[in-house]
Each structure stands twice: as C-alpha cells, then as structure tokens.
Amino acid sequence: MLPPDQTTNSDERVELERASDVLAELLSSVGTTGRRVIVEDGGRDVGAIVSLADLRRLRNDDHRRAMADAALGRVGDAFADVPIDELEREVATAIAEVRADARREPNPSRGG
C-alpha cells in the first residue's frame, strides 16, 4: 500500500486552471478508466477527482476504520482501571497460552 502522499504511475496530474477548462473530459476519463486525477494549484496538490467506485471504497474504508476505532475505545474503556504493567502481563500470558494450544493441536494445513 502506498503512503497517502504518494501517487501511482496511473495517476494523472492537472493544473487547477486547466482542470476547470477540461472538467467534462476529466470526469468522463475517470468514470470510464478508473484513473485518478490529482489537481494542482501552483504545483501544490489541492484535490483529486476519483471514480464513484473509488469514492465508495473510501467511504467503506472510513466506516470500517470508525468501527474499529469505536471497538478499540470500548476495549480501552473496559480496562481503564487496570494498571498498564498488569495489562501487559495478562496480554503476554494470554498470547503464550494461545500459542501453546496451537502447538498442541494438529494443523491440517501443515500436514498435522
């Protein structure tokens, strides 16, 4: 996965002034090819034109991230009164137990 500030070879770049002149063409291209257009103003990235499929994926990612953040918040709240060193010990113990159980149980994917 690329960091958020990097683009791919398939990304097109266009100056804002030119983008306003060719907006219909850009939208048509994005809609049919799925390519992304980075809009620049004076060499500075200021926006992007993406397909509806990309927008739906972004919204879905945002929703999943919000759900995960909420779940983590609930877990944090549930253990708010537990000292961090005790919590770390308990987590390490739980991980060790799960790993020990996994070593004892046959694993069909490893021929066991």
C-alpha atoms as a PDB file:
ATOM      1  CA  MET A   1       0.000   0.000   0.000  1.00  0.00           C
ATOM      2  CA  LEU A   2       1.308   3.429  -0.923  1.00  0.00           C
ATOM      3  CA  PRO A   3       1.622   6.116   1.721  1.00  0.00           C
ATOM      4  CA  PRO A   4      -1.210   8.659   1.394  1.00  0.00           C
ATOM      5  CA  ASP A   5       1.078  11.309  -0.124  1.00  0.00           C
ATOM      6  CA  GLN A   6       2.350   9.128  -2.978  1.00  0.00           C
ATOM      7  CA  THR A   7       0.762   8.658  -6.354  1.00  0.00           C
ATOM      8  CA  THR A   8       0.915   5.802  -8.824  1.00  0.00           C
ATOM      9  CA  ASN A   9       2.015   5.803 -12.441  1.00  0.00           C
ATOM     10  CA  SER A  10      -1.642   5.683 -13.469  1.00  0.00           C
ATOM     11  CA  ASP A  11      -2.442   8.948 -11.653  1.00  0.00           C
ATOM     12  CA  GLU A  12      -2.857  11.931 -13.932  1.00  0.00           C
ATOM     13  CA  ARG A  13      -1.891  15.419 -12.804  1.00  0.00           C
ATOM     14  CA  VAL A  14      -3.556  18.590 -13.982  1.00  0.00           C
ATOM     15  CA  GLU A  15      -3.284  22.248 -13.008  1.00  0.00           C
ATOM     16  CA  LEU A  16      -6.450  23.699 -11.474  1.00  0.00           C
ATOM     17  CA  GLU A  17      -6.836  26.313 -14.193  1.00  0.00           C
ATOM     18  CA  ARG A  18      -6.638  23.661 -16.924  1.00  0.00           C
ATOM     19  CA  ALA A  19      -8.885  21.273 -14.955  1.00  0.00           C
ATOM     20  CA  SER A  20     -11.719  23.769 -14.998  1.00  0.00           C
ATOM     21  CA  ASP A  21     -11.367  24.036 -18.792  1.00  0.00           C
ATOM     22  CA  VAL A  22     -11.478  20.252 -19.339  1.00  0.00           C
ATOM     23  CA  LEU A  23     -13.635  19.129 -16.420  1.00  0.00           C
ATOM     24  CA  ALA A  24     -16.137  17.184 -18.540  1.00  0.00           C
ATOM     25  CA  GLU A  25     -13.290  15.324 -20.269  1.00  0.00           C
ATOM     26  CA  LEU A  26     -11.601  14.541 -16.948  1.00  0.00           C
ATOM     27  CA  LEU A  27     -14.830  13.252 -15.413  1.00  0.00           C
ATOM     28  CA  SER A  28     -15.513  11.082 -18.428  1.00  0.00           C
ATOM     29  CA  SER A  29     -11.991   9.660 -18.326  1.00  0.00           C
ATOM     30  CA  VAL A  30     -12.133   8.978 -14.598  1.00  0.00           C
ATOM     31  CA  GLY A  31     -15.561   7.401 -14.917  1.00  0.00           C
ATOM     32  CA  THR A  32     -14.591   5.048 -17.730  1.00  0.00           C
ATOM     33  CA  THR A  33     -10.969   4.188 -16.864  1.00  0.00           C
ATOM     34  CA  GLY A  34     -10.963   4.460 -13.085  1.00  0.00           C
ATOM     35  CA  ARG A  35      -7.811   6.576 -13.262  1.00  0.00           C
ATOM     36  CA  ARG A  36      -7.364   9.227 -10.622  1.00  0.00           C
ATOM     37  CA  VAL A  37      -6.623  12.854 -11.343  1.00  0.00           C
ATOM     38  CA  ILE A  38      -4.574  14.907  -8.911  1.00  0.00           C
ATOM     39  CA  VAL A  39      -5.455  18.592  -9.167  1.00  0.00           C
ATOM     40  CA  GLU A  40      -2.601  21.010  -8.512  1.00  0.00           C
ATOM     41  CA  ASP A  41      -2.596  24.733  -7.919  1.00  0.00           C
ATOM     42  CA  GLY A  42       0.790  26.303  -8.453  1.00  0.00           C
ATOM     43  CA  GLY A  43       2.482  22.903  -8.129  1.00  0.00           C
ATOM     44  CA  ARG A  44       0.731  22.141  -4.815  1.00  0.00           C
ATOM     45  CA  ASP A  45      -1.721  19.222  -4.611  1.00  0.00           C
ATOM     46  CA  VAL A  46      -5.135  20.646  -3.728  1.00  0.00           C
ATOM     47  CA  GLY A  47      -7.597  17.902  -4.589  1.00  0.00           C
ATOM     48  CA  ALA A  48      -8.398  14.843  -6.603  1.00  0.00           C
ATOM     49  CA  ILE A  49     -11.019  13.580  -8.978  1.00  0.00           C
ATOM     50  CA  VAL A  50     -11.826   9.919  -8.402  1.00  0.00           C
ATOM     51  CA  SER A  51     -14.353   7.472  -9.774  1.00  0.00           C
ATOM     52  CA  LEU A  52     -17.541   6.641  -7.895  1.00  0.00           C
ATOM     53  CA  ALA A  53     -16.109   3.166  -7.265  1.00  0.00           C
ATOM     54  CA  ASP A  54     -13.084   4.752  -5.559  1.00  0.00           C
ATOM     55  CA  LEU A  55     -15.328   7.057  -3.553  1.00  0.00           C
ATOM     56  CA  ARG A  56     -17.403   4.082  -2.400  1.00  0.00           C
ATOM     57  CA  ARG A  57     -14.215   2.256  -1.350  1.00  0.00           C
ATOM     58  CA  LEU A  58     -13.015   5.339   0.537  1.00  0.00           C
ATOM     59  CA  ARG A  59     -16.343   5.644   2.339  1.00  0.00           C
ATOM     60  CA  ASN A  60     -16.305   1.932   3.164  1.00  0.00           C
ATOM     61  CA  ASP A  61     -12.730   2.227   4.479  1.00  0.00           C
ATOM     62  CA  ASP A  62     -13.744   5.249   6.566  1.00  0.00           C
ATOM     63  CA  HIS A  63     -16.691   3.315   8.004  1.00  0.00           C
ATOM     64  CA  ARG A  64     -14.563   0.249   8.836  1.00  0.00           C
ATOM     65  CA  ARG A  65     -11.913   2.469  10.439  1.00  0.00           C
ATOM     66  CA  ALA A  66     -14.559   4.232  12.534  1.00  0.00           C
ATOM     67  CA  MET A  67     -15.980   0.881  13.651  1.00  0.00           C
ATOM     68  CA  ALA A  68     -12.512  -0.396  14.586  1.00  0.00           C
ATOM     69  CA  ASP A  69     -11.747   2.830  16.467  1.00  0.00           C
ATOM     70  CA  ALA A  70     -15.018   2.526  18.379  1.00  0.00           C
ATOM     71  CA  ALA A  71     -14.258  -1.106  19.272  1.00  0.00           C
ATOM     72  CA  LEU A  72     -10.780  -0.174  20.470  1.00  0.00           C
ATOM     73  CA  GLY A  73     -12.303   2.645  22.506  1.00  0.00           C
ATOM     74  CA  ARG A  74     -14.706   0.209  24.178  1.00  0.00           C
ATOM     75  CA  VAL A  75     -11.842  -2.177  24.978  1.00  0.00           C
ATOM     76  CA  GLY A  76      -9.794   0.705  26.364  1.00  0.00           C
ATOM     77  CA  ASP A  77     -12.717   1.839  28.491  1.00  0.00           C
ATOM     78  CA  ALA A  78     -13.225  -1.685  29.843  1.00  0.00           C
ATOM     79  CA  PHE A  79      -9.627  -1.798  31.061  1.00  0.00           C
ATOM     80  CA  ALA A  80      -9.244   1.852  32.063  1.00  0.00           C
ATOM     81  CA  ASP A  81      -8.750   0.985  35.740  1.00  0.00           C
ATOM     82  CA  VAL A  82      -6.148  -1.750  35.093  1.00  0.00           C
ATOM     83  CA  PRO A  83      -2.522  -0.626  35.510  1.00  0.00           C
ATOM     84  CA  ILE A  84      -0.632  -0.851  32.207  1.00  0.00           C
ATOM     85  CA  ASP A  85       2.052  -3.217  33.551  1.00  0.00           C
ATOM     86  CA  GLU A  86      -0.637  -5.637  34.758  1.00  0.00           C
ATOM     87  CA  LEU A  87      -2.468  -5.396  31.431  1.00  0.00           C
ATOM     88  CA  GLU A  88       0.765  -6.102  29.510  1.00  0.00           C
ATOM     89  CA  ARG A  89       1.452  -9.144  31.703  1.00  0.00           C
ATOM     90  CA  GLU A  90      -2.056 -10.502  31.186  1.00  0.00           C
ATOM     91  CA  VAL A  91      -1.866  -9.991  27.417  1.00  0.00           C
ATOM     92  CA  ALA A  92       1.543 -11.710  27.238  1.00  0.00           C
ATOM     93  CA  THR A  93       0.163 -14.638  29.264  1.00  0.00           C
ATOM     94  CA  ALA A  94      -2.905 -14.927  27.018  1.00  0.00           C
ATOM     95  CA  ILE A  95      -0.749 -14.884  23.874  1.00  0.00           C
ATOM     96  CA  ALA A  96       1.556 -17.552  25.300  1.00  0.00           C
ATOM     97  CA  GLU A  97      -1.447 -19.756  26.140  1.00  0.00           C
ATOM     98  CA  VAL A  98      -2.932 -19.415  22.652  1.00  0.00           C
ATOM     99  CA  ARG A  99       0.423 -20.237  21.053  1.00  0.00           C
ATOM    100  CA  ALA A 100       0.874 -23.266  23.309  1.00  0.00           C
ATOM    101  CA  ASP A 101      -2.618 -24.509  22.413  1.00  0.00           C
ATOM    102  CA  ALA A 102      -1.872 -24.026  18.721  1.00  0.00           C
ATOM    103  CA  ARG A 103       1.310 -26.109  19.007  1.00  0.00           C
ATOM    104  CA  ARG A 104      -0.608 -28.933  20.685  1.00  0.00           C
ATOM    105  CA  GLU A 105      -3.441 -29.039  18.152  1.00  0.00           C
ATOM    106  CA  PRO A 106      -2.902 -30.709  14.768  1.00  0.00           C
ATOM    107  CA  ASN A 107      -2.909 -28.249  11.891  1.00  0.00           C
ATOM    108  CA  PRO A 108      -4.207 -29.756   8.615  1.00  0.00           C
ATOM    109  CA  SER A 109      -2.566 -27.019   6.562  1.00  0.00           C
ATOM    110  CA  ARG A 110       0.845 -28.129   7.875  1.00  0.00           C
ATOM    111  CA  GLY A 111       0.179 -31.802   7.381  1.00  0.00           C
ATOM    112  CA  GLY A 112      -0.655 -32.331  11.072  1.00  0.00           C
END
